Amino acid sequence: MSSAFKQLGLSDLLVNTVSELGFSQPTDVQVHGIPAVLTGKDVLAGAQTGTGKTAAFGLPIIQLLMEKGAKRDIQSNDVQALVLVPTRELAQQVFDNVSAYAKGSDLKVVTAYGGTSMRIQTQNLQSGCDVLIATPGRLIDHLFCKNINLWKTSFLVLDEADRMLDMGFMPDIKRILGKMAKERQTLFFSATFDKKIKEIAYKMMNEPIEVQVTPTNSTAENVKQMVYPVDKKRKSELLAFLIGSKNWQQVLVFTKTKQGSDALAKELKLDGIKAASINGDKSQGARQKALDDFKSGKVRALIATDVAARGLDIHQLEQVVNFDMPYKAEDYVHRIGRTGRAGQAGLAVSLMSQDEHYLLEAIERLLDTRLPQEWLQGFEPSLRETLDTEGGQRRNSRSAEKRKMKAKLKIHAGRGRR
C-alpha cells in the first residue's frame, strides 16, 4: 500500500487500487489536486500534459461518490458525475482510466461520444450511471432523447478545459449547464489557461481553489525542442529524411488540415514509410484502427490534426513533429505534450516555412523563451522563398496602409459634407 497516496486522504480501497495499477508516487498535480477536490470546493487546475490529471480528479470523485453511500435508483436516469471532454479519443482514454480506478467499487462508469452506436450507449445509460464521460455533442443528443437527467449531478468536470471553453464549444456548454442544478462541485483541468479562458471559467465556478503546479503554458523540461527552417514544398521530403536517417520507429506528426494529414500519409507511403492519418473526417472505427496500428508498431508515422492533440495517450512516444506550425500557440503545448510523458525524455521537432515565422513568434511569446533553430544540410531554405515571403509581407503592409488612408479620406469627406 502506498502511504504517499494514503496521506492525500484516499481510502484504503483506492490506495490499494492505485498500487495495483503501478502508481508508486503521486505526481505534483495529484499531490495538490486530490486534497483540493476532496474538500468539496470548486477547483481550477493547470498542469502539463501527461502528468496524471485524470487521476487527480477521478480518484477523489470516486471516493466522494462512495462516501455518499447513496445507491442509484435503477428506475431513474440520473447521472451523479459528468466529465466533459473535447474529443472521442480523450473520452475513451478517460473512461478506461476512471473504470480502472473504480475497480472494486460498485460504481457504474459509462462513456458516450460521436461516431459510435447511439443505441448501445442508450442501453448502457439505462438506470442512469455514477460517472459519465462524454463529448458535448453526443451528450446533448442523449439529453434530447431523455436518456439521462443532469438535475441531480453533483460533479461537473471539464477536462482540457481551455478547449472546452473555446467559442466553438460554448453554445453546447451553455445548453448543458442549463440542464444542471447550480449546487454542484465544478472542476476544470487543463495544461493551458490564458486570461480570457480564466475569466470565463470563474463565471461558471464558485470561489474555486487554484492549483498551478507548473508555470502557466509551460512545456516539460524533459522534452527537447528544435525548429528546422525549410521551404514549404520540401517539408515532406525533410520529414521522410528525419524518420529514415534517425531511425524513428514511432513518430506522431501534426498537420493543420484534414486534407493535409491524408495527403502527407500518402506521400510517406510512397517513400516506403508505413503511415496512417487520423482526423475528424474519419469514422471512429478508422480512427481507432489507425491508433491501434500505431501503438502496436504496424504503422511508423501517425499523421494527425489538432483534434487528436487532446486525447492521444501513447506510452514511451519519443518523437512529435509539427509538420505545420499551429495557428494557436496554446496548441503547441498540447501537441508536444504527447511526448515526454510521466517524466520520460522526448523530442519535439517543428518544420517551419518562412511564411510561418509569425506563428513561431507567437509560441515563443507564450512560452517566454526562444526555441532553438537549426538549418539541416541539404534542406536550407531558399533565398527565393524568403524574398517572396518578405515581399508578400511588404505588399500586405502597403495594402493595409492604403486601406487606412482611404478610410481617413472618407471620414474627412463626410465631415466636409456635413
Protein backbone atom coordinates (compact mmCIF):
# COMPACT_ATOMS: atom_id res chain seq x y z
CA MET A 1 0.00 0.00 0.00
CA SER A 2 1.34 3.43 -0.97
CA SER A 3 1.50 5.65 2.12
CA ALA A 4 2.05 8.66 -0.18
CA PHE A 5 -1.45 8.28 -1.66
CA LYS A 6 -2.87 7.49 1.77
CA GLN A 7 -1.58 10.83 3.04
CA LEU A 8 -3.58 12.62 0.33
CA GLY A 9 -6.78 11.44 2.02
CA LEU A 10 -7.63 8.50 -0.22
CA SER A 11 -9.36 5.42 1.24
CA ASP A 12 -7.59 2.09 1.68
CA LEU A 13 -9.59 0.67 -1.25
CA LEU A 14 -8.38 3.36 -3.66
CA VAL A 15 -4.82 3.26 -2.30
CA ASN A 16 -4.74 -0.49 -2.97
CA THR A 17 -6.20 0.09 -6.45
CA VAL A 18 -3.57 2.65 -7.46
CA SER A 19 -0.86 0.39 -6.07
CA GLU A 20 -2.13 -2.49 -8.25
CA LEU A 21 -2.10 -0.12 -11.23
CA GLY A 22 1.59 0.53 -10.61
CA PHE A 23 1.34 4.04 -9.10
CA SER A 24 4.11 4.35 -6.52
CA GLN A 25 4.33 8.11 -6.02
CA PRO A 26 1.69 10.76 -6.81
CA THR A 27 2.57 13.47 -9.33
CA ASP A 28 2.55 17.15 -8.38
CA VAL A 29 -0.94 17.75 -9.78
CA GLN A 30 -2.20 14.73 -7.81
CA VAL A 31 -0.48 15.89 -4.61
CA HIS A 32 -2.20 19.27 -4.81
CA GLY A 33 -5.33 18.35 -6.77
CA ILE A 34 -6.66 15.31 -4.87
CA PRO A 35 -6.89 17.02 -1.46
CA ALA A 36 -8.39 20.13 -3.11
CA VAL A 37 -11.15 18.09 -4.76
CA LEU A 38 -11.81 16.16 -1.52
CA THR A 39 -12.60 19.46 0.23
CA GLY A 40 -15.75 19.66 -1.87
CA LYS A 41 -14.82 23.04 -3.33
CA ASP A 42 -14.53 24.04 -6.99
CA VAL A 43 -11.04 23.56 -8.42
CA LEU A 44 -9.22 25.21 -11.34
CA ALA A 45 -6.10 23.14 -12.00
CA GLY A 46 -3.32 23.69 -14.51
CA ALA A 47 -0.60 21.12 -15.17
CA GLN A 48 1.40 19.91 -18.13
CA THR A 49 0.01 17.17 -20.36
CA GLY A 50 0.97 13.68 -19.25
CA THR A 51 1.24 14.47 -15.53
CA GLY A 52 -1.74 12.43 -14.33
CA LYS A 53 -4.60 14.95 -14.36
CA THR A 54 -7.24 12.22 -14.85
CA ALA A 55 -6.28 10.56 -11.56
CA ALA A 56 -6.19 13.98 -9.87
CA PHE A 57 -9.95 14.39 -10.39
CA GLY A 58 -11.04 10.79 -10.98
CA LEU A 59 -9.80 9.29 -7.70
CA PRO A 60 -11.31 11.90 -5.34
CA ILE A 61 -14.64 11.91 -7.23
CA ILE A 62 -14.85 8.12 -6.87
CA GLN A 63 -14.11 8.44 -3.17
CA LEU A 64 -16.71 11.18 -2.64
CA LEU A 65 -19.32 9.12 -4.50
CA MET A 66 -18.57 6.09 -2.36
CA GLU A 67 -18.74 8.20 0.81
CA LYS A 68 -22.19 9.46 -0.17
CA GLY A 69 -23.28 5.85 0.11
CA ALA A 70 -26.50 6.53 -1.77
CA LYS A 71 -27.44 3.73 -4.12
CA ARG A 72 -28.51 4.64 -7.60
CA ASP A 73 -32.22 4.42 -8.22
CA ILE A 74 -32.41 1.88 -11.04
CA GLN A 75 -35.76 3.39 -12.05
CA SER A 76 -34.13 6.77 -12.75
CA ASN A 77 -31.74 8.02 -15.41
CA ASP A 78 -29.72 10.27 -13.11
CA VAL A 79 -26.01 10.96 -13.61
CA GLN A 80 -24.02 11.60 -10.43
CA ALA A 81 -20.76 12.85 -12.01
CA LEU A 82 -20.26 14.25 -15.51
CA VAL A 83 -16.87 14.57 -17.22
CA LEU A 84 -16.89 16.58 -20.45
CA VAL A 85 -14.03 16.19 -22.94
CA PRO A 86 -13.44 17.70 -26.40
CA THR A 87 -12.58 14.58 -28.44
CA ARG A 88 -13.63 10.96 -28.88
CA GLU A 89 -10.12 9.71 -28.21
CA LEU A 90 -9.91 11.56 -24.92
CA ALA A 91 -13.37 10.31 -23.92
CA GLN A 92 -12.25 6.71 -24.38
CA GLN A 93 -8.95 7.33 -22.60
CA VAL A 94 -10.61 8.94 -19.57
CA PHE A 95 -13.25 6.18 -19.49
CA ASP A 96 -10.55 3.50 -19.43
CA ASN A 97 -8.70 5.24 -16.62
CA VAL A 98 -11.74 6.02 -14.45
CA SER A 99 -13.05 2.46 -14.92
CA ALA A 100 -9.70 1.17 -13.67
CA TYR A 101 -9.81 3.50 -10.65
CA ALA A 102 -13.38 2.40 -9.81
CA LYS A 103 -12.48 -1.29 -9.84
CA GLY A 104 -13.57 -2.87 -6.60
CA SER A 105 -16.44 -0.44 -6.09
CA ASP A 106 -20.00 -0.84 -7.34
CA LEU A 107 -19.89 2.44 -9.29
CA LYS A 108 -21.18 2.40 -12.85
CA VAL A 109 -18.97 4.23 -15.36
CA VAL A 110 -20.24 4.94 -18.90
CA THR A 111 -18.87 6.80 -21.92
CA ALA A 112 -20.76 8.50 -24.75
CA TYR A 113 -19.27 10.10 -27.85
CA GLY A 114 -20.00 10.51 -31.54
CA GLY A 115 -19.06 8.07 -34.28
CA THR A 116 -20.35 5.06 -32.34
CA SER A 117 -23.75 3.44 -31.86
CA MET A 118 -26.33 5.62 -30.15
CA ARG A 119 -28.40 2.50 -29.43
CA ILE A 120 -25.65 0.77 -27.47
CA GLN A 121 -24.95 3.93 -25.48
CA THR A 122 -28.66 4.27 -24.70
CA GLN A 123 -28.66 0.72 -23.34
CA ASN A 124 -25.59 1.47 -21.21
CA LEU A 125 -27.30 4.55 -19.80
CA GLN A 126 -30.44 2.70 -18.73
CA SER A 127 -30.99 3.16 -14.98
CA GLY A 128 -28.51 6.05 -15.03
CA CYS A 129 -24.86 5.93 -14.04
CA ASP A 130 -22.44 7.17 -11.42
CA VAL A 131 -19.82 8.65 -13.77
CA LEU A 132 -20.49 9.65 -17.39
CA ILE A 133 -17.60 10.67 -19.66
CA ALA A 134 -18.92 12.38 -22.78
CA THR A 135 -18.29 14.77 -25.62
CA PRO A 136 -20.69 17.75 -25.65
CA GLY A 137 -22.44 16.97 -28.93
CA ARG A 138 -23.30 13.37 -28.10
CA LEU A 139 -24.32 14.35 -24.56
CA ILE A 140 -26.85 16.81 -25.98
CA ASP A 141 -28.21 14.02 -28.20
CA HIS A 142 -28.85 11.88 -25.11
CA LEU A 143 -30.42 14.83 -23.27
CA PHE A 144 -32.74 15.43 -26.24
CA CYS A 145 -33.77 11.76 -26.22
CA LYS A 146 -34.28 11.96 -22.43
CA ASN A 147 -31.80 9.13 -21.89
CA ILE A 148 -30.19 11.00 -18.99
CA ASN A 149 -31.07 13.56 -16.33
CA LEU A 150 -28.49 16.05 -15.01
CA TRP A 151 -30.55 17.81 -12.32
CA LYS A 152 -29.05 15.65 -9.58
CA THR A 153 -25.48 15.70 -10.93
CA SER A 154 -23.13 16.55 -8.06
CA PHE A 155 -19.86 16.84 -10.01
CA LEU A 156 -19.01 18.54 -13.29
CA VAL A 157 -15.51 18.14 -14.74
CA LEU A 158 -14.18 19.90 -17.83
CA ASP A 159 -11.06 18.05 -18.94
CA GLU A 160 -8.85 20.03 -21.34
CA ALA A 161 -10.94 22.95 -20.12
CA ASP A 162 -9.29 25.55 -22.36
CA ARG A 163 -10.55 23.73 -25.46
CA MET A 164 -13.93 23.07 -23.86
CA LEU A 165 -14.34 26.80 -23.17
CA ASP A 166 -13.29 27.73 -26.70
CA MET A 167 -16.03 29.63 -28.51
CA GLY A 168 -16.80 26.62 -30.73
CA PHE A 169 -17.95 24.61 -27.72
CA MET A 170 -19.57 27.38 -25.67
CA PRO A 171 -23.12 27.07 -27.12
CA ASP A 172 -23.17 23.37 -26.22
CA ILE A 173 -21.63 24.00 -22.79
CA LYS A 174 -24.30 26.62 -22.02
CA ARG A 175 -27.08 24.24 -23.06
CA ILE A 176 -25.65 21.53 -20.82
CA LEU A 177 -25.26 23.91 -17.85
CA GLY A 178 -28.91 24.90 -18.32
CA LYS A 179 -29.87 21.29 -17.60
CA MET A 180 -27.88 21.16 -14.35
CA ALA A 181 -28.54 22.44 -10.85
CA LYS A 182 -26.22 25.22 -9.67
CA GLU A 183 -25.46 23.31 -6.46
CA ARG A 184 -22.58 21.18 -7.73
CA GLN A 185 -18.82 20.86 -7.48
CA THR A 186 -17.14 22.12 -10.66
CA LEU A 187 -13.61 21.07 -11.61
CA PHE A 188 -11.59 22.45 -14.54
CA PHE A 189 -8.35 20.71 -15.55
CA SER A 190 -6.05 21.69 -18.42
CA ALA A 191 -2.44 22.19 -19.47
CA THR A 192 -3.06 25.79 -20.57
CA PHE A 193 -5.22 28.63 -19.22
CA ASP A 194 -5.00 32.05 -20.81
CA LYS A 195 -6.53 35.16 -19.18
CA LYS A 196 -9.68 35.04 -21.31
CA ILE A 197 -10.36 31.39 -20.51
CA LYS A 198 -9.85 32.02 -16.79
CA GLU A 199 -12.40 34.84 -16.86
CA ILE A 200 -14.97 32.52 -18.47
CA ALA A 201 -14.15 29.74 -16.00
CA TYR A 202 -14.65 31.97 -12.96
CA LYS A 203 -18.14 32.89 -14.16
CA MET A 204 -19.04 29.18 -14.12
CA MET A 205 -17.44 28.39 -10.76
CA ASN A 206 -17.92 29.29 -7.10
CA GLU A 207 -14.77 30.69 -5.48
CA PRO A 208 -12.52 27.96 -6.90
CA ILE A 209 -9.25 26.78 -5.43
CA GLU A 210 -6.47 27.36 -7.97
CA VAL A 211 -3.91 24.60 -8.42
CA GLN A 212 -0.99 25.52 -10.69
CA VAL A 213 1.81 23.00 -10.28
CA THR A 214 3.90 24.23 -13.23
CA PRO A 215 4.29 27.69 -14.77
CA THR A 216 1.26 28.58 -16.88
CA ASN A 217 1.52 27.47 -20.52
CA SER A 218 4.89 25.77 -19.98
CA THR A 219 6.38 22.68 -21.60
CA ALA A 220 8.09 19.77 -19.87
CA GLU A 221 11.83 20.22 -19.26
CA ASN A 222 12.48 16.64 -20.38
CA VAL A 223 11.23 17.39 -23.92
CA LYS A 224 13.98 18.64 -26.25
CA GLN A 225 12.62 21.16 -28.78
CA MET A 226 14.06 22.01 -32.18
CA VAL A 227 12.89 24.13 -35.12
CA TYR A 228 14.09 23.34 -38.66
CA PRO A 229 13.52 26.18 -41.17
CA VAL A 230 12.72 24.66 -44.58
CA ASP A 231 10.93 25.53 -47.82
CA LYS A 232 7.25 24.61 -47.64
CA LYS A 233 7.41 22.37 -50.72
CA ARG A 234 10.28 20.35 -49.17
CA LYS A 235 8.67 19.66 -45.79
CA SER A 236 7.52 16.12 -46.63
CA GLU A 237 10.95 15.33 -48.07
CA LEU A 238 12.63 16.55 -44.88
CA LEU A 239 10.21 14.58 -42.69
CA ALA A 240 10.94 11.37 -44.59
CA PHE A 241 14.68 12.09 -44.28
CA LEU A 242 14.42 12.59 -40.50
CA ILE A 243 12.39 9.42 -39.98
CA GLY A 244 14.81 7.37 -42.08
CA SER A 245 18.17 8.85 -41.06
CA LYS A 246 17.35 8.95 -37.34
CA ASN A 247 15.59 5.56 -37.44
CA TRP A 248 12.43 6.85 -35.77
CA GLN A 249 10.17 3.85 -35.30
CA GLN A 250 7.21 5.74 -33.85
CA VAL A 251 6.54 9.41 -34.65
CA LEU A 252 3.38 11.47 -34.22
CA VAL A 253 3.07 14.21 -36.87
CA PHE A 254 0.66 17.16 -36.68
CA THR A 255 -0.81 18.94 -39.70
CA LYS A 256 -3.21 21.88 -39.71
CA THR A 257 -5.84 20.42 -42.07
CA LYS A 258 -7.66 17.12 -42.54
CA GLN A 259 -6.77 17.03 -46.23
CA GLY A 260 -3.15 17.73 -45.37
CA SER A 261 -2.99 14.78 -42.99
CA ASP A 262 -4.33 12.38 -45.63
CA ALA A 263 -2.01 13.77 -48.32
CA LEU A 264 1.07 13.52 -46.11
CA ALA A 265 0.28 9.93 -45.14
CA LYS A 266 0.13 9.03 -48.84
CA GLU A 267 3.44 10.78 -49.55
CA LEU A 268 5.22 8.96 -46.73
CA LYS A 269 3.88 5.64 -48.00
CA LEU A 270 5.42 6.44 -51.40
CA ASP A 271 8.73 6.90 -49.57
CA GLY A 272 8.38 3.44 -48.06
CA ILE A 273 7.31 4.65 -44.61
CA LYS A 274 4.19 2.99 -43.19
CA ALA A 275 1.85 5.81 -42.22
CA ALA A 276 -1.78 6.40 -41.32
CA SER A 277 -3.85 9.55 -40.81
CA ILE A 278 -6.34 10.39 -38.08
CA ASN A 279 -8.72 13.36 -38.33
CA GLY A 280 -12.31 14.47 -37.88
CA ASP A 281 -13.43 13.17 -41.30
CA LYS A 282 -12.53 9.60 -40.39
CA SER A 283 -15.08 7.23 -38.89
CA GLN A 284 -14.48 6.28 -35.28
CA GLY A 285 -13.61 2.76 -36.39
CA ALA A 286 -10.96 4.03 -38.82
CA ARG A 287 -9.53 6.40 -36.21
CA GLN A 288 -9.31 3.64 -33.62
CA LYS A 289 -7.68 1.22 -36.10
CA ALA A 290 -5.06 3.82 -37.07
CA LEU A 291 -4.30 4.48 -33.41
CA ASP A 292 -4.12 0.76 -32.55
CA ASP A 293 -1.82 0.07 -35.52
CA PHE A 294 0.41 2.93 -34.42
CA LYS A 295 0.61 1.72 -30.83
CA SER A 296 1.35 -1.85 -31.93
CA GLY A 297 4.10 -0.76 -34.34
CA LYS A 298 2.32 -1.72 -37.56
CA VAL A 299 2.36 1.96 -38.51
CA ARG A 300 5.53 4.02 -38.13
CA ALA A 301 4.09 7.52 -38.56
CA LEU A 302 0.68 8.68 -37.38
CA ILE A 303 -0.44 11.91 -39.08
CA ALA A 304 -2.97 13.82 -37.00
CA THR A 305 -4.84 17.09 -36.86
CA ASP A 306 -5.29 19.01 -33.61
CA VAL A 307 -8.50 17.07 -32.92
CA ALA A 308 -6.13 14.30 -31.84
CA ALA A 309 -3.81 16.51 -29.81
CA ARG A 310 -6.22 16.22 -26.89
CA GLY A 311 -6.60 12.56 -26.08
CA LEU A 312 -3.76 10.52 -27.53
CA ASP A 313 -2.06 8.67 -24.70
CA ILE A 314 0.84 6.70 -26.16
CA HIS A 315 3.35 5.34 -23.67
CA GLN A 316 7.02 5.99 -24.39
CA LEU A 317 6.33 8.07 -27.50
CA GLU A 318 9.70 9.68 -28.14
CA GLN A 319 9.09 11.94 -31.16
CA VAL A 320 6.45 14.52 -32.10
CA VAL A 321 6.72 16.60 -35.27
CA ASN A 322 4.87 19.81 -36.11
CA PHE A 323 4.66 19.45 -39.89
CA ASP A 324 2.60 22.65 -39.87
CA MET A 325 3.07 25.23 -37.13
CA PRO A 326 -0.17 25.53 -35.11
CA TYR A 327 -2.36 28.61 -35.57
CA LYS A 328 -2.99 28.77 -31.82
CA ALA A 329 0.17 28.97 -29.75
CA GLU A 330 -1.54 27.03 -26.92
CA ASP A 331 -1.95 24.06 -29.27
CA TYR A 332 1.83 23.81 -29.47
CA VAL A 333 1.91 22.98 -25.74
CA HIS A 334 -0.71 20.26 -26.19
CA ARG A 335 0.91 18.82 -29.31
CA ILE A 336 4.36 18.36 -27.85
CA GLY A 337 2.80 17.18 -24.59
CA ARG A 338 2.16 13.87 -26.37
CA THR A 339 5.84 13.06 -25.82
CA GLY A 340 7.92 13.16 -22.64
CA ARG A 341 5.03 11.77 -20.60
CA ALA A 342 5.46 10.60 -17.00
CA GLY A 343 8.93 12.14 -16.81
CA GLN A 344 10.43 10.29 -19.79
CA ALA A 345 12.61 12.00 -22.39
CA GLY A 346 11.00 13.28 -25.57
CA LEU A 347 11.80 15.19 -28.76
CA ALA A 348 9.58 17.83 -30.38
CA VAL A 349 10.56 18.92 -33.89
CA SER A 350 8.91 21.76 -35.83
CA LEU A 351 9.28 22.17 -39.61
CA MET A 352 8.86 25.89 -40.25
CA SER A 353 8.47 27.53 -43.63
CA GLN A 354 9.26 31.23 -43.92
CA ASP A 355 5.59 32.25 -44.00
CA GLU A 356 5.05 30.54 -40.61
CA HIS A 357 7.65 32.59 -38.77
CA TYR A 358 4.98 34.75 -37.12
CA LEU A 359 3.42 31.58 -35.66
CA LEU A 360 6.77 30.66 -34.11
CA GLU A 361 6.99 34.15 -32.63
CA ALA A 362 3.56 33.69 -31.02
CA ILE A 363 4.67 30.36 -29.49
CA GLU A 364 7.85 31.95 -28.13
CA ARG A 365 5.84 34.78 -26.58
CA LEU A 366 3.53 32.26 -24.91
CA LEU A 367 6.42 30.20 -23.56
CA ASP A 368 8.52 33.29 -22.83
CA THR A 369 11.56 31.62 -24.37
CA ARG A 370 13.37 31.34 -27.69
CA LEU A 371 13.19 27.93 -29.35
CA PRO A 372 16.47 26.67 -30.88
CA GLN A 373 16.70 26.68 -34.68
CA GLU A 374 18.98 24.72 -36.96
CA TRP A 375 19.43 24.52 -40.72
CA LEU A 376 19.88 20.95 -41.92
CA GLN A 377 22.46 20.47 -44.65
CA GLY A 378 20.74 19.91 -47.96
CA PHE A 379 17.45 21.37 -46.72
CA GLU A 380 18.43 25.00 -46.20
CA PRO A 381 15.55 27.39 -47.02
CA SER A 382 15.98 29.01 -50.41
CA LEU A 383 16.58 32.73 -50.80
CA ARG A 384 13.71 32.94 -53.30
CA GLU A 385 11.09 31.74 -50.78
CA THR A 386 12.46 34.12 -48.18
CA LEU A 387 12.29 37.05 -50.61
CA ASP A 388 8.82 36.03 -51.84
CA THR A 389 7.54 35.89 -48.27
CA GLU A 390 9.13 39.19 -47.29
CA GLY A 391 7.82 40.77 -50.48
CA GLY A 392 4.34 39.48 -49.73
CA GLN A 393 4.54 40.86 -46.22
CA ARG A 394 5.60 44.27 -47.55
CA ARG A 395 2.77 44.21 -50.11
CA ASN A 396 0.28 43.32 -47.37
CA SER A 397 1.67 46.12 -45.22
CA ARG A 398 1.36 48.64 -48.08
CA SER A 399 -2.19 47.44 -48.79
CA ALA A 400 -3.11 47.90 -45.16
CA GLU A 401 -1.70 51.42 -45.19
CA LYS A 402 -3.68 52.22 -48.34
CA ARG A 403 -6.89 50.96 -46.72
CA LYS A 404 -6.25 53.11 -43.66
CA MET A 405 -5.60 56.17 -45.87
CA LYS A 406 -8.83 55.61 -47.85
CA ALA A 407 -10.78 55.27 -44.63
CA LYS A 408 -9.35 58.57 -43.34
CA LEU A 409 -10.21 60.33 -46.63
CA LYS A 410 -13.80 59.04 -46.41
CA ILE A 411 -14.09 60.35 -42.85
CA HIS A 412 -12.79 63.78 -43.87
CA ALA A 413 -15.04 63.85 -46.92
CA GLY A 414 -18.03 63.00 -44.75
CA ARG A 415 -17.21 65.77 -42.32
CA GLY A 416 -16.94 68.23 -45.23
CA ARG A 417 -20.42 67.26 -46.48
CA ARG A 418 -21.85 67.81 -43.03
